[in-house]
C-alpha atoms as a PDB file:
ATOM      1  CA  MET A   1      75.563  52.034  24.105  1.00  0.00           C
ATOM      2  CA  LYS A   2      73.827  48.753  23.008  1.00  0.00           C
ATOM      3  CA  THR A   3      76.040  46.042  21.486  1.00  0.00           C
ATOM      4  CA  ASN A   4      75.269  45.437  17.956  1.00  0.00           C
ATOM      5  CA  TYR A   5      75.828  41.620  17.423  1.00  0.00           C
ATOM      6  CA  LYS A   6      75.798  41.958  13.647  1.00  0.00           C
ATOM      7  CA  GLU A   7      78.438  44.533  13.599  1.00  0.00           C
ATOM      8  CA  SER A   8      80.688  42.846  15.921  1.00  0.00           C
ATOM      9  CA  GLU A   9      80.503  39.596  14.144  1.00  0.00           C
ATOM     10  CA  ARG A  10      80.991  41.080  10.809  1.00  0.00           C
ATOM     11  CA  LYS A  11      84.283  42.584  12.310  1.00  0.00           C
ATOM     12  CA  ARG A  12      85.371  39.156  13.763  1.00  0.00           C
ATOM     13  CA  ALA A  13      84.551  37.553  10.505  1.00  0.00           C
ATOM     14  CA  ILE A  14      86.707  39.756   8.453  1.00  0.00           C
ATOM     15  CA  GLN A  15      89.618  39.237  10.700  1.00  0.00           C
ATOM     16  CA  LEU A  16      89.121  35.425  10.211  1.00  0.00           C
ATOM     17  CA  ILE A  17      89.029  35.850   6.545  1.00  0.00           C
ATOM     18  CA  ILE A  18      92.370  37.770   6.662  1.00  0.00           C
ATOM     19  CA  ASN A  19      94.164  35.699   9.487  1.00  0.00           C
ATOM     20  CA  SER A  20      92.840  32.256   9.317  1.00  0.00           C
ATOM     21  CA  ASP A  21      92.424  29.361   6.984  1.00  0.00           C
ATOM     22  CA  LEU A  22      88.645  29.078   7.376  1.00  0.00           C
ATOM     23  CA  PHE A  23      88.010  30.595   3.874  1.00  0.00           C
ATOM     24  CA  ASP A  24      91.040  29.240   2.219  1.00  0.00           C
ATOM     25  CA  TYR A  25      92.204  32.912   2.340  1.00  0.00           C
ATOM     26  CA  GLU A  26      89.604  33.663  -0.571  1.00  0.00           C
ATOM     27  CA  LYS A  27      89.360  37.215  -1.835  1.00  0.00           C
ATOM     28  CA  THR A  28      86.409  39.445  -0.754  1.00  0.00           C
ATOM     29  CA  GLY A  29      84.846  42.521  -2.458  1.00  0.00           C
ATOM     30  CA  LYS A  30      81.843  40.816  -4.085  1.00  0.00           C
ATOM     31  CA  LYS A  31      79.022  43.218  -4.410  1.00  0.00           C
ATOM     32  CA  PHE A  32      76.226  43.248  -1.998  1.00  0.00           C
ATOM     33  CA  LEU A  33      73.269  45.644  -1.808  1.00  0.00           C
ATOM     34  CA  GLY A  34      75.099  47.685  -4.610  1.00  0.00           C
ATOM     35  CA  LYS A  35      78.409  47.885  -3.064  1.00  0.00           C
ATOM     36  CA  GLU A  36      81.675  45.787  -2.776  1.00  0.00           C
ATOM     37  CA  ARG A  37      81.906  44.491   0.611  1.00  0.00           C
ATOM     38  CA  ASP A  38      84.987  43.127   2.583  1.00  0.00           C
ATOM     39  CA  PHE A  39      82.657  40.556   4.325  1.00  0.00           C
ATOM     40  CA  VAL A  40      81.462  39.015   0.948  1.00  0.00           C
ATOM     41  CA  LEU A  41      83.507  36.358  -0.512  1.00  0.00           C
ATOM     42  CA  MET A  42      84.013  36.321  -4.435  1.00  0.00           C
ATOM     43  CA  ASN A  43      83.772  32.618  -4.317  1.00  0.00           C
ATOM     44  CA  GLY A  44      80.852  31.541  -2.306  1.00  0.00           C
ATOM     45  CA  GLU A  45      81.678  28.047  -2.128  1.00  0.00           C
ATOM     46  CA  LYS A  46      84.492  29.036   0.297  1.00  0.00           C
ATOM     47  CA  ASN A  47      82.010  30.203   2.527  1.00  0.00           C
ATOM     48  CA  LEU A  48      80.992  26.468   3.321  1.00  0.00           C
ATOM     49  CA  TYR A  49      83.056  24.080   5.660  1.00  0.00           C
ATOM     50  CA  LYS A  50      85.615  22.599   3.438  1.00  0.00           C
ATOM     51  CA  GLU A  51      84.417  18.880   3.985  1.00  0.00           C
ATOM     52  CA  ILE A  52      80.784  19.650   2.724  1.00  0.00           C
ATOM     53  CA  ARG A  53      81.472  21.962  -0.184  1.00  0.00           C
ATOM     54  CA  LYS A  54      81.079  19.653  -3.150  1.00  0.00           C
ATOM     55  CA  GLU A  55      78.396  17.451  -1.509  1.00  0.00           C
ATOM     56  CA  VAL A  56      76.206  20.359  -0.419  1.00  0.00           C
ATOM     57  CA  ILE A  57      76.247  21.986  -3.941  1.00  0.00           C
ATOM     58  CA  LYS A  58      75.223  18.552  -5.391  1.00  0.00           C
ATOM     59  CA  TYR A  59      72.444  18.063  -2.774  1.00  0.00           C
ATOM     60  CA  TYR A  60      70.980  21.562  -3.502  1.00  0.00           C
ATOM     61  CA  ALA A  61      71.060  21.035  -7.291  1.00  0.00           C
ATOM     62  CA  ASN A  62      69.784  17.397  -7.415  1.00  0.00           C
ATOM     63  CA  ASN A  63      67.064  18.140  -4.979  1.00  0.00           C
ATOM     64  CA  ARG A  64      66.114  21.344  -6.947  1.00  0.00           C
ATOM     65  CA  ILE A  65      66.803  23.743  -3.843  1.00  0.00           C
ATOM     66  CA  SER A  66      67.179  27.550  -4.329  1.00  0.00           C
ATOM     67  CA  TRP A  67      70.124  29.236  -2.793  1.00  0.00           C
ATOM     68  CA  TRP A  68      69.443  32.360  -0.784  1.00  0.00           C
ATOM     69  CA  GLY A  69      70.284  35.485  -3.061  1.00  0.00           C
ATOM     70  CA  GLY A  70      71.065  33.539  -6.175  1.00  0.00           C
ATOM     71  CA  GLY A  71      71.800  30.224  -7.881  1.00  0.00           C
ATOM     72  CA  LYS A  72      75.009  29.540  -5.958  1.00  0.00           C
ATOM     73  CA  PRO A  73      75.952  29.494  -2.251  1.00  0.00           C
ATOM     74  CA  THR A  74      76.346  33.163  -1.031  1.00  0.00           C
ATOM     75  CA  GLY A  75      79.726  34.701  -0.043  1.00  0.00           C
ATOM     76  CA  HIS A  76      78.251  36.677   2.692  1.00  0.00           C
ATOM     77  CA  VAL A  77      79.790  35.286   5.726  1.00  0.00           C
ATOM     78  CA  LEU A  78      76.944  36.314   8.021  1.00  0.00           C
ATOM     79  CA  SER A  79      74.526  34.129   6.099  1.00  0.00           C
ATOM     80  CA  SER A  80      72.202  32.149   8.463  1.00  0.00           C
ATOM     81  CA  GLN A  81      71.641  29.582   5.491  1.00  0.00           C
ATOM     82  CA  VAL A  82      75.214  28.870   5.449  1.00  0.00           C
ATOM     83  CA  ALA A  83      75.565  28.824   9.061  1.00  0.00           C
ATOM     84  CA  CYS A  84      72.968  26.142   9.415  1.00  0.00           C
ATOM     85  CA  LEU A  85      74.458  24.038   6.678  1.00  0.00           C
ATOM     86  CA  ASN A  86      78.009  24.485   8.349  1.00  0.00           C
ATOM     87  CA  HIS A  87      76.645  23.262  11.491  1.00  0.00           C
ATOM     88  CA  LEU A  88      74.510  20.364  10.406  1.00  0.00           C
ATOM     89  CA  PHE A  89      75.170  18.998   6.997  1.00  0.00           C
ATOM     90  CA  HIS A  90      78.202  16.912   7.844  1.00  0.00           C
ATOM     91  CA  ILE A  91      76.322  14.902  10.416  1.00  0.00           C
ATOM     92  CA  ARG A  92      73.058  14.613   8.612  1.00  0.00           C
ATOM     93  CA  LYS A  93      73.693  10.849   7.692  1.00  0.00           C
ATOM     94  CA  ASP A  94      75.004   9.922  11.169  1.00  0.00           C
ATOM     95  CA  LYS A  95      72.090   8.286  13.122  1.00  0.00           C
ATOM     96  CA  GLU A  96      73.835   8.448  16.251  1.00  0.00           C
ATOM     97  CA  ALA A  97      74.711  12.055  16.021  1.00  0.00           C
ATOM     98  CA  VAL A  98      71.465  13.218  15.080  1.00  0.00           C
ATOM     99  CA  THR A  99      69.781  11.270  17.742  1.00  0.00           C
ATOM    100  CA  ARG A 100      72.047  12.909  20.421  1.00  0.00           C
ATOM    101  CA  MET A 101      71.069  16.162  18.708  1.00  0.00           C
ATOM    102  CA  VAL A 102      67.451  15.654  19.210  1.00  0.00           C
ATOM    103  CA  LYS A 103      68.016  14.460  22.722  1.00  0.00           C
ATOM    104  CA  ASN A 104      69.582  17.815  23.333  1.00  0.00           C
ATOM    105  CA  ILE A 105      66.297  19.395  22.328  1.00  0.00           C
ATOM    106  CA  SER A 106      64.091  17.066  24.521  1.00  0.00           C
ATOM    107  CA  THR A 107      65.234  13.832  26.226  1.00  0.00           C
ATOM    108  CA  ASP A 108      61.831  12.462  25.294  1.00  0.00           C
ATOM    109  CA  PHE A 109      63.202  11.844  21.754  1.00  0.00           C
ATOM    110  CA  VAL A 110      64.846   8.256  21.412  1.00  0.00           C
ATOM    111  CA  ASP A 111      65.477   7.835  17.793  1.00  0.00           C
ATOM    112  CA  VAL A 112      65.351   9.524  14.306  1.00  0.00           C
ATOM    113  CA  ASN A 113      63.983   8.382  11.105  1.00  0.00           C
ATOM    114  CA  GLU A 114      65.368   8.997   7.493  1.00  0.00           C
ATOM    115  CA  ILE A 115      63.662  11.543   5.425  1.00  0.00           C
ATOM    116  CA  SER A 116      62.702   9.881   2.160  1.00  0.00           C
ATOM    117  CA  THR A 117      61.477  13.208   0.453  1.00  0.00           C
ATOM    118  CA  ASP A 118      65.050  14.005  -0.275  1.00  0.00           C
ATOM    119  CA  LYS A 119      65.288  12.537  -3.806  1.00  0.00           C
ATOM    120  CA  TYR A 120      69.043  12.746  -3.848  1.00  0.00           C
ATOM    121  CA  SER A 121      71.103  11.504  -0.915  1.00  0.00           C
ATOM    122  CA  PRO A 122      68.517  11.352   2.023  1.00  0.00           C
ATOM    123  CA  GLY A 123      69.545  11.385   5.580  1.00  0.00           C
ATOM    124  CA  TYR A 124      68.288  12.281   8.933  1.00  0.00           C
ATOM    125  CA  ILE A 125      68.161  16.008   8.663  1.00  0.00           C
ATOM    126  CA  GLN A 126      66.654  17.644   5.534  1.00  0.00           C
ATOM    127  CA  PHE A 127      67.368  21.230   4.506  1.00  0.00           C
ATOM    128  CA  GLU A 128      64.935  23.779   2.932  1.00  0.00           C
ATOM    129  CA  ALA A 129      62.169  21.393   3.759  1.00  0.00           C
ATOM    130  CA  VAL A 130      58.693  21.801   2.109  1.00  0.00           C
ATOM    131  CA  SER A 131      55.378  19.746   2.251  1.00  0.00           C
ATOM    132  CA  ASP A 132      54.363  17.533  -0.632  1.00  0.00           C
ATOM    133  CA  HIS A 133      51.204  19.513  -1.012  1.00  0.00           C
ATOM    134  CA  ASP A 134      50.293  23.262  -0.909  1.00  0.00           C
ATOM    135  CA  ASN A 135      48.752  23.250   2.456  1.00  0.00           C
ATOM    136  CA  LEU A 136      49.205  27.038   3.173  1.00  0.00           C
ATOM    137  CA  ASN A 137      47.606  28.662   0.112  1.00  0.00           C
ATOM    138  CA  GLU A 138      51.123  29.534  -1.269  1.00  0.00           C
ATOM    139  CA  GLY A 139      51.121  27.691  -4.630  1.00  0.00           C
ATOM    140  CA  SER A 140      53.061  24.647  -5.495  1.00  0.00           C
ATOM    141  CA  PRO A 141      55.789  24.117  -2.853  1.00  0.00           C
ATOM    142  CA  ARG A 142      59.488  24.775  -4.161  1.00  0.00           C
ATOM    143  CA  ARG A 143      62.395  24.401  -1.691  1.00  0.00           C
ATOM    144  CA  GLY A 144      63.832  27.643  -0.780  1.00  0.00           C
ATOM    145  CA  ASN A 145      61.869  29.734  -3.173  1.00  0.00           C
ATOM    146  CA  ASN A 146      58.793  31.789  -2.659  1.00  0.00           C
ATOM    147  CA  CYS A 147      56.882  29.505   0.017  1.00  0.00           C
ATOM    148  CA  THR A 148      57.560  28.437   3.597  1.00  0.00           C
ATOM    149  CA  SER A 149      60.519  26.338   3.781  1.00  0.00           C
ATOM    150  CA  ILE A 150      62.157  25.115   6.894  1.00  0.00           C
ATOM    151  CA  ASP A 151      65.931  25.522   7.190  1.00  0.00           C
ATOM    152  CA  ALA A 152      66.374  22.278   8.887  1.00  0.00           C
ATOM    153  CA  LEU A 153      64.102  19.243   9.456  1.00  0.00           C
ATOM    154  CA  VAL A 154      64.389  16.213  11.638  1.00  0.00           C
ATOM    155  CA  TYR A 155      61.929  13.272  11.851  1.00  0.00           C
ATOM    156  CA  ALA A 156      62.033  11.787  15.125  1.00  0.00           C
ATOM    157  CA  GLN A 157      60.763   9.178  17.341  1.00  0.00           C
ATOM    158  CA  HIS A 158      59.223   9.997  20.837  1.00  0.00           C
ATOM    159  CA  LYS A 159      59.666   7.409  23.614  1.00  0.00           C
ATOM    160  CA  ASP A 160      55.975   6.879  23.732  1.00  0.00           C
ATOM    161  CA  GLY A 161      56.127   5.605  20.079  1.00  0.00           C
ATOM    162  CA  SER A 162      54.758   8.681  18.225  1.00  0.00           C
ATOM    163  CA  LYS A 163      56.486  10.286  15.362  1.00  0.00           C
ATOM    164  CA  TRP A 164      57.511  13.916  15.413  1.00  0.00           C
ATOM    165  CA  ILE A 165      58.848  16.432  12.994  1.00  0.00           C
ATOM    166  CA  ILE A 166      61.048  19.149  14.361  1.00  0.00           C
ATOM    167  CA  PRO A 167      61.396  22.071  12.073  1.00  0.00           C
ATOM    168  CA  ILE A 168      64.454  24.272  12.731  1.00  0.00           C
ATOM    169  CA  GLU A 169      64.520  27.910  12.002  1.00  0.00           C
ATOM    170  CA  TRP A 170      68.238  29.106  11.973  1.00  0.00           C
ATOM    171  CA  LYS A 171      69.327  32.462  13.043  1.00  0.00           C
ATOM    172  CA  TYR A 172      72.722  34.048  13.141  1.00  0.00           C
ATOM    173  CA  THR A 173      72.886  37.775  13.120  1.00  0.00           C
ATOM    174  CA  GLU A 174      69.442  38.558  12.058  1.00  0.00           C
ATOM    175  CA  ASN A 175      67.496  41.474  13.747  1.00  0.00           C
ATOM    176  CA  TYR A 176      64.241  43.105  12.302  1.00  0.00           C
ATOM    177  CA  SER A 177      62.787  46.532  11.577  1.00  0.00           C
ATOM    178  CA  ASN A 178      59.172  47.331  12.585  1.00  0.00           C
ATOM    179  CA  GLN A 179      57.706  46.836   9.021  1.00  0.00           C
ATOM    180  CA  ASN A 180      54.190  45.551   8.973  1.00  0.00           C
ATOM    181  CA  LYS A 181      53.865  43.148   6.223  1.00  0.00           C
ATOM    182  CA  ALA A 182      50.142  43.015   6.474  1.00  0.00           C
ATOM    183  CA  ILE A 183      50.059  46.691   4.799  1.00  0.00           C
ATOM    184  CA  GLU A 184      53.097  46.331   2.510  1.00  0.00           C
ATOM    185  CA  GLY A 185      52.111  47.874  -0.911  1.00  0.00           C
ATOM    186  CA  TYR A 186      48.698  49.210   0.464  1.00  0.00           C
ATOM    187  CA  LYS A 187      49.345  52.883  -0.657  1.00  0.00           C
ATOM    188  CA  LYS A 188      49.959  51.822  -4.272  1.00  0.00           C
ATOM    189  CA  ASP A 189      47.496  49.262  -4.610  1.00  0.00           C
ATOM    190  CA  PRO A 190      45.230  48.639  -1.494  1.00  0.00           C
ATOM    191  CA  ILE A 191      43.406  45.784  -3.101  1.00  0.00           C
ATOM    192  CA  ASN A 192      46.183  43.616  -4.710  1.00  0.00           C
ATOM    193  CA  CYS A 193      49.170  44.506  -2.587  1.00  0.00           C
ATOM    194  CA  LYS A 194      51.458  42.024  -1.035  1.00  0.00           C
ATOM    195  CA  GLY A 195      49.830  42.841   2.302  1.00  0.00           C
ATOM    196  CA  GLU A 196      46.380  41.840   1.285  1.00  0.00           C
ATOM    197  CA  THR A 197      47.879  38.656  -0.453  1.00  0.00           C
ATOM    198  CA  ARG A 198      49.333  37.562   2.733  1.00  0.00           C
ATOM    199  CA  LYS A 199      46.154  38.124   4.815  1.00  0.00           C
ATOM    200  CA  LYS A 200      44.169  36.113   2.165  1.00  0.00           C
ATOM    201  CA  ARG A 201      46.580  33.146   2.561  1.00  0.00           C
ATOM    202  CA  TYR A 202      47.019  32.912   6.236  1.00  0.00           C
ATOM    203  CA  THR A 203      43.966  34.412   8.017  1.00  0.00           C
ATOM    204  CA  GLU A 204      41.593  31.305   8.015  1.00  0.00           C
ATOM    205  CA  LEU A 205      44.496  29.239   8.674  1.00  0.00           C
ATOM    206  CA  ILE A 206      45.180  31.225  11.781  1.00  0.00           C
ATOM    207  CA  ASN A 207      41.559  31.439  12.835  1.00  0.00           C
ATOM    208  CA  ASN A 208      41.484  27.527  12.571  1.00  0.00           C
ATOM    209  CA  SER A 209      44.867  26.867  14.277  1.00  0.00           C
ATOM    210  CA  ALA A 210      44.978  24.628  17.191  1.00  0.00           C
ATOM    211  CA  HIS A 211      48.144  26.202  18.248  1.00  0.00           C
ATOM    212  CA  LEU A 212      48.061  29.847  17.388  1.00  0.00           C
ATOM    213  CA  SER A 213      46.094  32.530  19.190  1.00  0.00           C
ATOM    214  CA  ASN A 214      43.405  33.988  16.821  1.00  0.00           C
ATOM    215  CA  MET A 215      42.446  36.941  19.153  1.00  0.00           C
ATOM    216  CA  ASP A 216      44.555  39.557  17.300  1.00  0.00           C
ATOM    217  CA  HIS A 217      46.533  38.625  13.978  1.00  0.00           C
ATOM    218  CA  ASN A 218      48.456  42.064  13.867  1.00  0.00           C
ATOM    219  CA  CYS A 219      51.735  40.594  15.541  1.00  0.00           C
ATOM    220  CA  TYR A 220      51.732  37.767  13.046  1.00  0.00           C
ATOM    221  CA  TYR A 221      52.864  40.226  10.472  1.00  0.00           C
ATOM    222  CA  TYR A 222      55.829  41.725  12.059  1.00  0.00           C
ATOM    223  CA  GLU A 223      59.132  39.699  11.796  1.00  0.00           C
ATOM    224  CA  PRO A 224      60.414  37.506  13.327  1.00  0.00           C
ATOM    225  CA  PHE A 225      56.708  36.473  14.167  1.00  0.00           C
ATOM    226  CA  TYR A 226      55.702  36.412  10.482  1.00  0.00           C
ATOM    227  CA  GLN A 227      58.344  33.665   9.799  1.00  0.00           C
ATOM    228  CA  LEU A 228      57.288  31.753  13.151  1.00  0.00           C
ATOM    229  CA  MET A 229      53.539  32.106  12.266  1.00  0.00           C
ATOM    230  CA  ARG A 230      54.125  30.474   8.834  1.00  0.00           C
ATOM    231  CA  GLN A 231      56.275  27.693  10.173  1.00  0.00           C
ATOM    232  CA  THR A 232      53.974  26.742  13.058  1.00  0.00           C
ATOM    233  CA  LEU A 233      50.967  26.647  10.398  1.00  0.00           C
ATOM    234  CA  TRP A 234      53.296  24.552   8.130  1.00  0.00           C
ATOM    235  CA  ALA A 235      54.110  22.098  10.976  1.00  0.00           C
ATOM    236  CA  GLU A 236      50.406  21.969  11.949  1.00  0.00           C
ATOM    237  CA  GLN A 237      49.234  21.369   8.474  1.00  0.00           C
ATOM    238  CA  LEU A 238      51.791  18.545   7.675  1.00  0.00           C
ATOM    239  CA  VAL A 239      50.622  16.690  10.953  1.00  0.00           C
ATOM    240  CA  LYS A 240      47.008  17.297   9.937  1.00  0.00           C
ATOM    241  CA  ASN A 241      47.429  16.097   6.531  1.00  0.00           C
ATOM    242  CA  LYS A 242      49.689  13.291   7.336  1.00  0.00           C
ATOM    243  CA  ASP A 243      47.425  10.783   5.293  1.00  0.00           C
ATOM    244  CA  LYS A 244      48.412  12.568   1.935  1.00  0.00           C
ATOM    245  CA  GLU A 245      51.915  13.534   3.153  1.00  0.00           C
ATOM    246  CA  THR A 246      55.067  11.288   2.768  1.00  0.00           C
ATOM    247  CA  ILE A 247      56.085  12.322   6.257  1.00  0.00           C
ATOM    248  CA  LYS A 248      53.650  10.683   8.549  1.00  0.00           C
ATOM    249  CA  ALA A 249      53.860  12.801  11.892  1.00  0.00           C
ATOM    250  CA  ASP A 250      51.632  12.544  14.871  1.00  0.00           C
ATOM    251  CA  TYR A 251      53.124  15.979  16.519  1.00  0.00           C
ATOM    252  CA  PHE A 252      55.795  18.537  16.046  1.00  0.00           C
ATOM    253  CA  LEU A 253      58.294  20.652  18.086  1.00  0.00           C
ATOM    254  CA  HIS A 254      59.384  23.994  16.639  1.00  0.00           C
ATOM    255  CA  VAL A 255      62.819  24.759  17.360  1.00  0.00           C
ATOM    256  CA  HIS A 256      64.670  28.131  16.915  1.00  0.00           C
ATOM    257  CA  ALA A 257      68.301  27.997  16.920  1.00  0.00           C
ATOM    258  CA  ILE A 258      69.772  31.343  17.828  1.00  0.00           C
ATOM    259  CA  PRO A 259      73.063  32.396  19.309  1.00  0.00           C
ATOM    260  CA  PRO A 260      72.495  33.828  22.848  1.00  0.00           C
ATOM    261  CA  GLU A 261      74.732  36.833  21.977  1.00  0.00           C
ATOM    262  CA  ASN A 262      72.317  38.005  19.443  1.00  0.00           C
ATOM    263  CA  ARG A 263      70.562  40.234  21.952  1.00  0.00           C
ATOM    264  CA  ASN A 264      69.442  42.528  19.162  1.00  0.00           C
ATOM    265  CA  LEU A 265      66.996  39.767  18.166  1.00  0.00           C
ATOM    266  CA  LEU A 266      66.303  38.072  21.610  1.00  0.00           C
ATOM    267  CA  ASN A 267      66.094  41.162  23.865  1.00  0.00           C
ATOM    268  CA  LYS A 268      64.332  43.822  21.609  1.00  0.00           C
ATOM    269  CA  ILE A 269      61.218  45.289  22.796  1.00  0.00           C
ATOM    270  CA  TYR A 270      58.837  44.801  19.683  1.00  0.00           C
ATOM    271  CA  LYS A 271      56.673  47.673  18.672  1.00  0.00           C
ATOM    272  CA  TYR A 272      53.607  45.738  18.494  1.00  0.00           C
ATOM    273  CA  SER A 273      53.798  43.873  21.790  1.00  0.00           C
ATOM    274  CA  ARG A 274      55.945  45.992  23.859  1.00  0.00           C
ATOM    275  CA  LYS A 275      57.773  42.832  25.063  1.00  0.00           C
ATOM    276  CA  ASP A 276      60.728  40.791  23.992  1.00  0.00           C
ATOM    277  CA  MET A 277      60.975  38.112  21.248  1.00  0.00           C
ATOM    278  CA  THR A 278      60.459  35.180  23.520  1.00  0.00           C
ATOM    279  CA  THR A 279      57.528  36.599  25.526  1.00  0.00           C
ATOM    280  CA  THR A 280      55.840  37.874  22.668  1.00  0.00           C
ATOM    281  CA  TRP A 281      55.843  34.760  20.726  1.00  0.00           C
ATOM    282  CA  GLY A 282      54.919  32.853  23.799  1.00  0.00           C
ATOM    283  CA  ASP A 283      51.874  35.013  24.322  1.00  0.00           C
ATOM    284  CA  LEU A 284      50.683  33.959  20.823  1.00  0.00           C
ATOM    285  CA  LEU A 285      50.966  30.396  21.300  1.00  0.00           C
ATOM    286  CA  LYS A 286      48.089  28.282  23.066  1.00  0.00           C
ATOM    287  CA  ASP A 287      50.851  25.702  24.054  1.00  0.00           C
ATOM    288  CA  LYS A 288      54.267  27.004  24.701  1.00  0.00           C
ATOM    289  CA  SER A 289      55.549  23.402  25.047  1.00  0.00           C
ATOM    290  CA  LYS A 290      55.545  23.188  21.183  1.00  0.00           C
ATOM    291  CA  TYR A 291      58.324  25.985  20.920  1.00  0.00           C
ATOM    292  CA  LYS A 292      61.921  25.868  21.913  1.00  0.00           C
ATOM    293  CA  ILE A 293      64.957  28.446  21.816  1.00  0.00           C
ATOM    294  CA  ILE A 294      68.261  26.528  21.766  1.00  0.00           C
ATOM    295  CA  SER A 295      71.771  28.037  20.978  1.00  0.00           C
ATOM    296  CA  PRO A 296      73.668  26.375  18.083  1.00  0.00           C
ATOM    297  CA  GLN A 297      76.393  25.222  20.443  1.00  0.00           C
ATOM    298  CA  THR A 298      74.006  23.630  22.803  1.00  0.00           C
ATOM    299  CA  LEU A 299      72.114  21.912  20.058  1.00  0.00           C
ATOM    300  CA  LEU A 300      75.394  20.023  18.960  1.00  0.00           C
ATOM    301  CA  LEU A 301      76.507  19.260  22.524  1.00  0.00           C
ATOM    302  CA  ASN A 302      78.117  15.813  22.601  1.00  0.00           C
ATOM    303  CA  CYS A 303      77.435  15.355  19.001  1.00  0.00           C
ATOM    304  CA  LEU A 304      80.790  16.210  17.720  1.00  0.00           C
ATOM    305  CA  ASP A 305      82.788  14.173  20.322  1.00  0.00           C
ATOM    306  CA  ASN A 306      83.805  11.405  17.649  1.00  0.00           C
ATOM    307  CA  ALA A 307      87.377  11.906  16.470  1.00  0.00           C
ATOM    308  CA  LYS A 308      85.964  12.100  12.873  1.00  0.00           C
ATOM    309  CA  TYR A 309      84.239  15.390  13.787  1.00  0.00           C
ATOM    310  CA  GLN A 310      87.100  17.016  15.598  1.00  0.00           C
ATOM    311  CA  ASP A 311      87.898  19.187  12.633  1.00  0.00           C
ATOM    312  CA  LEU A 312      84.254  20.472  12.292  1.00  0.00           C
ATOM    313  CA  LYS A 313      84.176  20.914  16.129  1.00  0.00           C
ATOM    314  CA  ASN A 314      87.218  23.204  15.698  1.00  0.00           C
ATOM    315  CA  TYR A 315      85.989  25.090  12.620  1.00  0.00           C
ATOM    316  CA  LEU A 316      82.581  25.904  14.366  1.00  0.00           C
ATOM    317  CA  SER A 317      84.375  26.936  17.681  1.00  0.00           C
ATOM    318  CA  GLN A 318      86.331  29.347  15.824  1.00  0.00           C
ATOM    319  CA  ARG A 319      84.042  30.585  13.040  1.00  0.00           C
ATOM    320  CA  TYR A 320      80.701  30.853  14.938  1.00  0.00           C
ATOM    321  CA  TRP A 321      81.212  29.837  18.868  1.00  0.00           C
ATOM    322  CA  ASN A 322      84.075  32.497  19.445  1.00  0.00           C
ATOM    323  CA  LEU A 323      85.861  29.719  21.500  1.00  0.00           C
ATOM    324  CA  GLN A 324      89.522  28.935  21.476  1.00  0.00           C
ATOM    325  CA  ILE A 325      89.944  25.727  19.491  1.00  0.00           C
ATOM    326  CA  GLN A 326      90.621  22.487  21.212  1.00  0.00           C
ATOM    327  CA  TYR A 327      92.955  20.130  19.075  1.00  0.00           C
ATOM    328  CA  SER A 328      92.495  16.260  19.707  1.00  0.00           C
ATOM    329  CA  SER A 329      95.467  14.578  21.334  1.00  0.00           C
ATOM    330  CA  GLN A 330      94.754  11.428  18.969  1.00  0.00           C
END
């Protein structure tokens, strides 16, 4: 029987809700998909690491960023948006820690730059990043809402002096069906359906892309490749249009943060390609070096060694990495 990572993480999270103080013993039972769920907290703020709760909410409100599923942090304990924030938000203003993080991605990176497009509380990591202009035919960019947004963005300096954007797509327990987004709504309205709108937006961009293969577009409309396609185009267009964008980047490296235990995502044989996720996406890229999968734990390797991050390291170890927490002797 195949391991269902989402189900095992759901069960483990429920035990943490009951038996640990990670969620301040917050009550569960909030409705999700029409039913009261024992893995959805009544107060979504308690889903966030305690040291970042107030500042994250201010950051989202003052930068006009939409929350997944509503106007407040979700109480769903398997949320990847929340997981990304819990891993990265506390270190976002620490230049040394973020520089260590990008060196875990590639030793070619030597420094990081502040991202000034955050109007409130800018740092070295930005969340739900969008471009200044509509480069993808999606309408006016709105962070986290009805356009291509990047879970986390870093603006890095390469050892050769060039500037790079590092868009990070964060996954936790996600896995996907075989829905073809290119034909969604076709039976009801073949001319104005969602599928046709998507193809009108992205077809020409894919055909003209220096990074995506344009031999066959079909795979781009199945998840997770639909997300990866849009994010690749987003990064490519940000670089291409750097003269009119606030962030002036010469190159990009697209990072996929995925727990290695999520074999339901990584090892699934996808209907369209008959291959696993990594192989399928690699076959669609003209340059495989522009994409990298890394585990959340590896991404933060040596970044949390400072004593001020000991509590965060313990929190992540227990909640996400399923490790026995190591307490500092200091």
